Amino acid sequence: MPTLKTKIKAYREDMNITQSELAELIGVRRETIVHLESGKYNPSLKLAMDIANIFDTSVEELFSFKD
């Protein structure tokens, strides 16, 4: 079964923002960011788009499926 991989942490670190700051920007709890970055949570399409907008990139750039 494919697993969702994310580049959120790398983008967040490039922007020099914390998990808490990112969470506040998109209106979720910090724990949501923790789970996204660790691959324990698959975001809704809206959440994925909100995160991509913060980083000025595409959903496809931030998320991918790996076998």
Protein backbone atom coordinates (compact mmCIF):
# COMPACT_ATOMS: atom_id res chain seq x y z
CA MET A 1 0.00 0.00 0.00
CA PRO A 2 1.46 3.39 -0.97
CA THR A 3 2.33 5.83 1.79
CA LEU A 4 2.09 9.58 1.62
CA LYS A 5 5.42 11.40 1.71
CA THR A 6 5.65 15.10 2.43
CA LYS A 7 8.19 17.90 2.10
CA ILE A 8 6.44 20.13 4.65
CA LYS A 9 9.31 20.02 7.14
CA ALA A 10 11.89 21.04 4.53
CA TYR A 11 9.73 23.91 3.29
CA ARG A 12 8.96 25.01 6.83
CA GLU A 13 12.64 25.01 7.79
CA ASP A 14 13.52 26.94 4.61
CA MET A 15 11.02 29.62 5.67
CA ASN A 16 12.41 29.47 9.22
CA ILE A 17 9.01 28.97 10.85
CA THR A 18 8.08 26.61 13.66
CA GLN A 19 5.42 23.93 13.59
CA SER A 20 3.32 26.13 15.86
CA GLU A 21 3.64 29.11 13.53
CA LEU A 22 2.65 27.04 10.51
CA ALA A 23 -0.29 25.59 12.42
CA GLU A 24 -1.47 29.07 13.33
CA LEU A 25 -1.17 30.26 9.72
CA ILE A 26 -3.45 27.50 8.44
CA GLY A 27 -5.76 27.24 11.45
CA VAL A 28 -4.89 23.82 12.83
CA ARG A 29 -3.24 22.52 16.00
CA ARG A 30 0.52 22.01 16.16
CA GLU A 31 -0.09 18.29 16.61
CA THR A 32 -1.61 18.19 13.13
CA ILE A 33 1.65 19.50 11.68
CA VAL A 34 3.64 16.98 13.74
CA HIS A 35 1.50 14.13 12.38
CA LEU A 36 1.68 15.44 8.82
CA GLU A 37 5.46 15.71 8.93
CA SER A 38 5.84 12.22 10.40
CA GLY A 39 3.48 10.65 7.86
CA LYS A 40 0.89 9.64 10.44
CA TYR A 41 -1.88 11.79 8.99
CA ASN A 42 -3.17 12.26 5.45
CA PRO A 43 -4.49 15.79 4.96
CA SER A 44 -7.77 16.71 3.35
CA LEU A 45 -7.49 18.32 -0.06
CA LYS A 46 -8.35 21.71 1.47
CA LEU A 47 -5.65 21.39 4.13
CA ALA A 48 -3.08 20.30 1.54
CA MET A 49 -3.99 23.29 -0.63
CA ASP A 50 -3.82 25.68 2.34
CA ILE A 51 -0.33 24.43 3.19
CA ALA A 52 0.80 24.65 -0.44
CA ASN A 53 -0.46 28.24 -0.59
CA ILE A 54 1.57 29.18 2.49
CA PHE A 55 4.71 27.87 0.79
CA ASP A 56 3.74 29.27 -2.63
CA THR A 57 4.03 25.86 -4.25
CA SER A 58 1.78 23.11 -5.56
CA VAL A 59 0.18 20.26 -3.65
CA GLU A 60 2.04 17.87 -5.97
CA GLU A 61 5.36 19.41 -4.95
CA LEU A 62 4.60 19.00 -1.23
CA PHE A 63 3.02 15.55 -1.28
CA SER A 64 3.71 12.33 -3.15
CA PHE A 65 2.92 8.65 -2.80
CA LYS A 66 5.68 6.08 -2.41
CA ASP A 67 5.38 2.29 -2.44
